[in-house]
Amino acid sequence: MNVTIKDIAKEANVSYSTVSKALNNSPLVKEVTKQKILRVAKEMGYEPNLAAKQLVRKKTEVVGLIWPTIERIVLATLVTNISKAFESTRYSMILSVDSTDTAMETFKKFQVDGMIVFAESEQMIPEENIPLVAYGVSGKREVTYPIIDANHEQAMEKAVQYLYDLGHRNIAYVGLMNTDDALQNEKVEGYQKAMKKIGLTEQSIATNGLDWFDGYLAVDDVLQFEKRPTAIIGSSYDISGGILRSLQEKGLGVPEDISLISYDNIPQMETTEIPMTCIGVPVDELAEEIVQAVIQRIESEEQPVVRKLNPSLTERQSTGPVLEG
């Protein structure tokens, strides 16, 4: 038999409305009375009727996450961290890897309170009357919803400066270029600006994708440069893993012959064959920012803003100073 609020009221010898207010943490109930009611409710095994509460509040306390894929380790790691970040809130998360339009239609049926969208392009996404937060590149467009920007351009600038300070003057970049993916384009632009600012010549290799094998194949082209790079910046965790394996197979020491630094600041960087130096906003920090932004968007009427985060560099064994000779 289900325990009701009326049962608790009778047992605690208080009114029905007092129990209701106490269970909803109302400040109108004295703390002593509230604690008594909560204790009685727990002892009686009371479980709140969430569906009924949602009808009253007209909220589901559910947030929809629209994600392009969970096959890439980095995106799967970020999704996992976003889910963990929601655990400390009253909201739950549901995930869709369908197209944005299809996912939005699904989330409308679930009556989600808000949505998080992975924005690979700079094209605006219609909010459809559901509070929305995007993870992507802010660009120069007018902001109509909050954007969490991991500041890929600044990350590349920090990576180039770090290698320069170690004595490297031939620094190659390996990654996806001239693509519809705004995040990848911003990394390239960050590398180019940093190299120009310091006065170094660009040594860029365009890959066909962001996978391990793309990085593996790119090394052959990297080694064809007239001045062989002493350092490589890989544009993703997977690409950098492929670069590392290819360098090792060719008998080149990392970092003795070529230093390697990767974009994507995720814990897995520490467990590569040679623990890898990486640049980017730490994935747990990024997830927390995204979750807090969507909750704030749902619960307040503040104007949408761009939150440009501060990427950080984690130094490990894959980078070192240029060796003489």
Protein backbone atom coordinates (compact mmCIF):
# COMPACT_ATOMS: atom_id res chain seq x y z
CA MET A 1 0.00 0.00 0.00
CA ASN A 2 1.38 3.41 -1.00
CA VAL A 3 1.93 5.92 1.78
CA THR A 4 0.22 9.25 1.11
CA ILE A 5 0.71 12.75 2.45
CA LYS A 6 -2.49 12.32 4.44
CA ASP A 7 -1.03 9.23 6.13
CA ILE A 8 2.05 11.20 7.14
CA ALA A 9 -0.11 14.08 8.41
CA LYS A 10 -2.07 11.71 10.64
CA GLU A 11 1.08 10.04 12.00
CA ALA A 12 2.89 13.33 12.62
CA ASN A 13 -0.24 14.96 14.02
CA VAL A 14 -0.06 17.94 11.69
CA SER A 15 -2.22 19.24 8.85
CA TYR A 16 -2.11 17.97 5.30
CA SER A 17 -0.92 21.36 4.02
CA THR A 18 1.93 21.44 6.56
CA VAL A 19 3.20 18.08 5.33
CA SER A 20 2.99 19.24 1.73
CA LYS A 21 4.95 22.40 2.50
CA ALA A 22 7.57 20.51 4.51
CA LEU A 23 8.16 17.97 1.73
CA ASN A 24 8.63 20.85 -0.69
CA ASN A 25 11.12 22.53 1.66
CA SER A 26 8.93 25.57 2.22
CA PRO A 27 10.33 28.28 4.55
CA LEU A 28 6.81 28.65 6.00
CA VAL A 29 7.29 25.51 8.10
CA LYS A 30 9.38 25.67 11.28
CA GLU A 31 12.62 23.70 11.03
CA VAL A 32 11.73 21.45 14.00
CA THR A 33 8.38 20.56 12.45
CA LYS A 34 9.95 20.04 9.04
CA GLN A 35 12.54 17.61 10.39
CA LYS A 36 9.85 15.69 12.29
CA ILE A 37 7.75 15.33 9.14
CA LEU A 38 10.74 14.25 7.06
CA ARG A 39 11.65 11.64 9.68
CA VAL A 40 8.11 10.27 9.78
CA ALA A 41 7.95 10.18 5.97
CA LYS A 42 11.19 8.24 5.81
CA GLU A 43 10.11 5.77 8.50
CA MET A 44 6.80 5.14 6.71
CA GLY A 45 8.60 4.55 3.39
CA TYR A 46 6.99 7.49 1.62
CA GLU A 47 7.94 7.95 -2.05
CA PRO A 48 6.83 11.19 -3.74
CA ASN A 49 4.66 11.02 -6.82
CA LEU A 50 7.04 12.70 -9.26
CA ALA A 51 4.53 12.77 -12.10
CA ALA A 52 2.04 14.65 -9.94
CA LYS A 53 4.68 17.12 -8.77
CA GLN A 54 5.70 17.76 -12.35
CA LEU A 55 2.10 18.47 -13.34
CA VAL A 56 1.79 21.01 -10.55
CA ARG A 57 5.11 22.68 -11.37
CA LYS A 58 4.61 22.30 -15.12
CA LYS A 59 8.21 21.10 -15.25
CA THR A 60 9.70 17.67 -15.89
CA GLU A 61 13.15 18.46 -14.46
CA VAL A 62 14.61 16.69 -17.48
CA VAL A 63 17.21 18.13 -19.87
CA GLY A 64 17.76 16.75 -23.36
CA LEU A 65 21.29 16.41 -24.73
CA ILE A 66 21.69 16.37 -28.53
CA TRP A 67 25.07 14.87 -29.39
CA PRO A 68 26.61 13.96 -32.77
CA THR A 69 28.15 10.65 -31.70
CA ILE A 70 29.42 8.69 -28.72
CA GLU A 71 31.85 6.66 -30.83
CA ARG A 72 34.70 9.15 -30.41
CA ILE A 73 36.35 8.77 -27.01
CA VAL A 74 36.48 12.50 -26.34
CA LEU A 75 32.78 13.09 -26.97
CA ALA A 76 31.82 9.98 -25.01
CA THR A 77 33.97 11.20 -22.10
CA LEU A 78 32.34 14.62 -22.16
CA VAL A 79 28.85 13.07 -22.22
CA THR A 80 29.76 10.91 -19.23
CA ASN A 81 30.99 13.94 -17.32
CA ILE A 82 27.87 15.96 -18.19
CA SER A 83 25.73 13.10 -16.86
CA LYS A 84 27.79 13.04 -13.64
CA ALA A 85 27.45 16.81 -13.26
CA PHE A 86 23.66 16.48 -13.36
CA GLU A 87 23.77 14.00 -10.43
CA SER A 88 24.36 16.83 -7.96
CA THR A 89 21.29 18.70 -9.26
CA ARG A 90 17.58 17.87 -9.25
CA TYR A 91 17.63 17.49 -13.03
CA SER A 92 17.98 14.31 -15.07
CA MET A 93 19.44 13.97 -18.56
CA ILE A 94 18.31 12.09 -21.63
CA LEU A 95 20.61 11.65 -24.63
CA SER A 96 19.90 11.63 -28.35
CA VAL A 97 22.43 10.99 -31.13
CA ASP A 98 19.83 11.68 -33.83
CA SER A 99 19.91 14.77 -36.05
CA THR A 100 19.15 18.06 -34.32
CA ASP A 101 15.68 18.32 -35.90
CA THR A 102 14.73 14.72 -35.02
CA ALA A 103 16.06 15.04 -31.47
CA MET A 104 14.17 18.28 -30.90
CA GLU A 105 10.90 16.66 -31.96
CA THR A 106 11.56 13.78 -29.56
CA PHE A 107 12.40 16.12 -26.69
CA LYS A 108 9.22 18.11 -27.31
CA LYS A 109 7.23 14.91 -26.73
CA PHE A 110 9.13 14.33 -23.48
CA GLN A 111 8.45 17.97 -22.55
CA VAL A 112 12.03 18.57 -21.47
CA ASP A 113 12.74 21.76 -19.53
CA GLY A 114 15.86 22.55 -21.56
CA MET A 115 18.31 21.28 -24.15
CA ILE A 116 22.07 21.09 -24.64
CA VAL A 117 23.28 21.03 -28.24
CA PHE A 118 26.71 20.24 -29.68
CA ALA A 119 27.11 22.99 -32.29
CA GLU A 120 29.68 21.91 -34.88
CA SER A 121 28.83 24.77 -37.24
CA GLU A 122 28.24 28.48 -36.63
CA GLN A 123 24.69 28.18 -37.94
CA MET A 124 22.10 29.27 -35.37
CA ILE A 125 19.83 26.59 -33.93
CA PRO A 126 16.11 27.40 -33.44
CA GLU A 127 15.14 27.23 -29.76
CA GLU A 128 11.56 26.07 -30.45
CA ASN A 129 10.43 27.69 -27.16
CA ILE A 130 12.67 25.35 -25.16
CA PRO A 131 15.59 26.94 -23.25
CA LEU A 132 18.78 25.96 -25.07
CA VAL A 133 22.52 26.03 -24.42
CA ALA A 134 25.11 25.20 -27.07
CA TYR A 135 28.63 23.87 -26.76
CA GLY A 136 30.58 25.25 -29.69
CA VAL A 137 32.22 28.30 -31.23
CA SER A 138 30.73 31.71 -30.56
CA GLY A 139 32.17 33.43 -33.64
CA LYS A 140 30.93 36.93 -34.47
CA ARG A 141 27.23 36.12 -34.71
CA GLU A 142 24.50 37.64 -32.55
CA VAL A 143 23.90 35.48 -29.50
CA THR A 144 20.31 34.32 -28.96
CA TYR A 145 21.13 31.52 -26.50
CA PRO A 146 24.09 30.82 -24.19
CA ILE A 147 27.18 29.36 -25.85
CA ILE A 148 29.90 27.52 -23.95
CA ASP A 149 33.06 28.17 -25.94
CA ALA A 150 36.13 26.09 -25.04
CA ASN A 151 38.31 28.74 -26.71
CA HIS A 152 40.07 26.46 -29.20
CA GLU A 153 41.98 29.37 -30.72
CA GLN A 154 43.55 30.33 -27.40
CA ALA A 155 44.37 26.67 -26.75
CA MET A 156 46.41 26.48 -29.96
CA GLU A 157 48.15 29.75 -29.16
CA LYS A 158 49.18 28.36 -25.76
CA ALA A 159 50.40 25.13 -27.37
CA VAL A 160 52.59 26.96 -29.89
CA GLN A 161 54.01 29.31 -27.25
CA TYR A 162 54.78 26.37 -24.94
CA LEU A 163 56.73 24.56 -27.68
CA TYR A 164 58.49 27.77 -28.69
CA ASP A 165 59.62 28.28 -25.10
CA LEU A 166 61.11 24.75 -25.21
CA GLY A 167 63.24 25.81 -28.17
CA HIS A 168 61.14 24.44 -31.03
CA ARG A 169 61.11 26.48 -34.23
CA ASN A 170 59.69 23.91 -36.67
CA ILE A 171 56.23 23.15 -35.30
CA ALA A 172 53.78 21.16 -37.40
CA TYR A 173 49.99 20.99 -37.05
CA VAL A 174 48.01 17.88 -38.00
CA GLY A 175 44.24 18.03 -38.18
CA LEU A 176 41.03 18.54 -40.12
CA MET A 177 41.04 21.75 -42.19
CA ASN A 178 38.64 23.74 -44.39
CA THR A 179 35.69 21.87 -42.96
CA ASP A 180 32.13 22.68 -41.90
CA ASP A 181 33.21 21.89 -38.33
CA ALA A 182 33.72 25.32 -36.76
CA LEU A 183 35.58 23.86 -33.77
CA GLN A 184 38.26 22.33 -36.00
CA ASN A 185 38.56 25.49 -38.09
CA GLU A 186 39.16 27.57 -34.98
CA LYS A 187 42.03 25.28 -33.94
CA VAL A 188 43.70 25.77 -37.32
CA GLU A 189 43.22 29.52 -37.15
CA GLY A 190 44.66 29.60 -33.63
CA TYR A 191 47.76 27.71 -34.79
CA GLN A 192 48.22 29.96 -37.82
CA LYS A 193 47.87 33.17 -35.82
CA ALA A 194 50.29 31.97 -33.16
CA MET A 195 52.92 30.92 -35.72
CA LYS A 196 52.61 34.26 -37.53
CA LYS A 197 52.82 36.23 -34.28
CA ILE A 198 56.05 34.49 -33.27
CA GLY A 199 57.47 34.69 -36.80
CA LEU A 200 57.57 30.98 -37.61
CA THR A 201 56.66 29.24 -40.87
CA GLU A 202 53.48 27.15 -40.85
CA GLN A 203 53.85 23.40 -41.40
CA SER A 204 50.28 22.14 -41.66
CA ILE A 205 49.04 18.71 -42.73
CA ALA A 206 45.32 18.29 -43.45
CA THR A 207 43.73 14.98 -42.50
CA ASN A 208 40.62 13.37 -43.96
CA GLY A 209 39.03 12.96 -40.53
CA LEU A 210 39.58 12.95 -36.79
CA ASP A 211 40.32 9.26 -36.29
CA TRP A 212 43.43 7.39 -35.15
CA PHE A 213 44.31 6.22 -38.65
CA ASP A 214 44.12 9.80 -39.98
CA GLY A 215 46.90 10.78 -37.60
CA TYR A 216 48.87 7.65 -38.38
CA LEU A 217 48.88 8.35 -42.13
CA ALA A 218 49.69 12.06 -41.69
CA VAL A 219 53.15 11.36 -40.29
CA ASP A 220 54.50 10.38 -43.75
CA ASP A 221 53.59 13.88 -44.99
CA VAL A 222 55.00 15.56 -41.87
CA LEU A 223 58.38 13.96 -42.48
CA GLN A 224 58.47 15.26 -46.08
CA PHE A 225 58.87 18.88 -45.02
CA GLU A 226 62.20 20.40 -46.10
CA LYS A 227 62.89 21.23 -42.47
CA ARG A 228 61.68 18.29 -40.42
CA PRO A 229 59.48 19.42 -37.53
CA THR A 230 60.87 18.98 -34.04
CA ALA A 231 57.34 19.18 -32.61
CA ILE A 232 53.83 18.25 -33.73
CA ILE A 233 50.48 19.52 -32.48
CA GLY A 234 47.73 16.93 -32.96
CA SER A 235 44.21 18.36 -33.22
CA SER A 236 42.48 15.57 -31.28
CA TYR A 237 43.08 12.68 -28.91
CA ASP A 238 42.55 10.07 -31.63
CA ILE A 239 44.72 11.82 -34.23
CA SER A 240 47.53 12.25 -31.71
CA GLY A 241 47.37 8.58 -30.79
CA GLY A 242 47.88 7.67 -34.45
CA ILE A 243 50.76 10.12 -34.77
CA LEU A 244 52.47 8.64 -31.71
CA ARG A 245 52.25 5.07 -33.00
CA SER A 246 53.53 6.02 -36.46
CA LEU A 247 56.51 7.92 -35.05
CA GLN A 248 57.41 4.95 -32.87
CA GLU A 249 57.19 2.52 -35.79
CA LYS A 250 59.54 4.75 -37.80
CA GLY A 251 62.10 4.59 -35.01
CA LEU A 252 61.67 8.22 -33.95
CA GLY A 253 61.81 8.93 -30.24
CA VAL A 254 59.10 10.93 -28.51
CA PRO A 255 60.09 13.46 -27.26
CA GLU A 256 63.81 12.95 -28.04
CA ASP A 257 63.39 13.37 -31.82
CA ILE A 258 59.92 14.91 -32.05
CA SER A 259 57.78 16.36 -29.27
CA LEU A 260 54.03 15.73 -29.45
CA ILE A 261 51.26 17.76 -27.85
CA SER A 262 47.56 17.06 -28.33
CA TYR A 263 44.33 18.97 -28.13
CA ASP A 264 41.67 17.47 -25.77
CA ASN A 265 42.31 17.65 -22.05
CA ILE A 266 40.91 14.29 -20.96
CA PRO A 267 42.18 11.76 -18.38
CA GLN A 268 42.93 9.19 -21.12
CA MET A 269 45.91 11.31 -22.19
CA GLU A 270 47.76 9.99 -19.15
CA THR A 271 47.41 6.36 -20.26
CA THR A 272 48.70 6.60 -23.85
CA GLU A 273 51.88 4.60 -24.67
CA ILE A 274 53.84 7.69 -23.75
CA PRO A 275 51.78 9.88 -21.38
CA MET A 276 50.82 12.83 -23.54
CA THR A 277 51.08 16.55 -22.96
CA CYS A 278 47.71 18.08 -23.81
CA ILE A 279 45.93 21.41 -24.10
CA GLY A 280 42.28 22.35 -23.63
CA VAL A 281 39.65 22.98 -20.99
CA PRO A 282 39.65 19.98 -18.59
CA VAL A 283 36.67 17.80 -19.47
CA ASP A 284 35.15 17.82 -15.96
CA GLU A 285 35.31 21.63 -15.83
CA LEU A 286 33.76 21.87 -19.30
CA ALA A 287 30.91 19.55 -18.32
CA GLU A 288 30.19 21.53 -15.15
CA GLU A 289 30.03 24.79 -17.09
CA ILE A 290 27.59 23.31 -19.62
CA VAL A 291 25.27 21.91 -16.94
CA GLN A 292 25.25 25.09 -14.85
CA ALA A 293 24.56 27.17 -17.97
CA VAL A 294 21.50 25.15 -19.01
CA ILE A 295 20.07 25.17 -15.48
CA GLN A 296 20.56 28.93 -15.27
CA ARG A 297 18.89 29.28 -18.66
CA ILE A 298 15.89 27.27 -17.44
CA GLU A 299 15.49 28.96 -14.08
CA SER A 300 16.31 32.61 -14.78
CA GLU A 301 15.49 35.30 -17.30
CA GLU A 302 19.07 36.50 -17.74
CA GLN A 303 20.16 37.52 -21.21
CA PRO A 304 22.09 34.85 -23.16
CA VAL A 305 25.87 35.17 -22.94
CA VAL A 306 28.99 33.59 -24.40
CA ARG A 307 31.15 31.89 -21.81
CA LYS A 308 34.69 31.66 -23.18
CA LEU A 309 36.57 29.24 -20.97
CA ASN A 310 40.27 29.22 -20.19
CA PRO A 311 42.15 26.23 -21.67
CA SER A 312 44.98 24.82 -19.61
CA LEU A 313 48.09 22.84 -20.52
CA THR A 314 48.91 19.57 -18.79
CA GLU A 315 52.57 18.66 -19.25
CA ARG A 316 53.57 15.00 -19.50
CA GLN A 317 56.35 12.91 -21.07
CA SER A 318 55.56 13.44 -24.78
CA THR A 319 57.17 16.88 -24.94
CA GLY A 320 60.63 18.16 -24.15
CA PRO A 321 63.26 20.71 -25.17
CA VAL A 322 65.00 20.56 -28.53
CA LEU A 323 68.16 18.46 -28.21
CA GLU A 324 71.38 19.85 -29.64
CA GLY A 325 72.73 18.20 -32.75
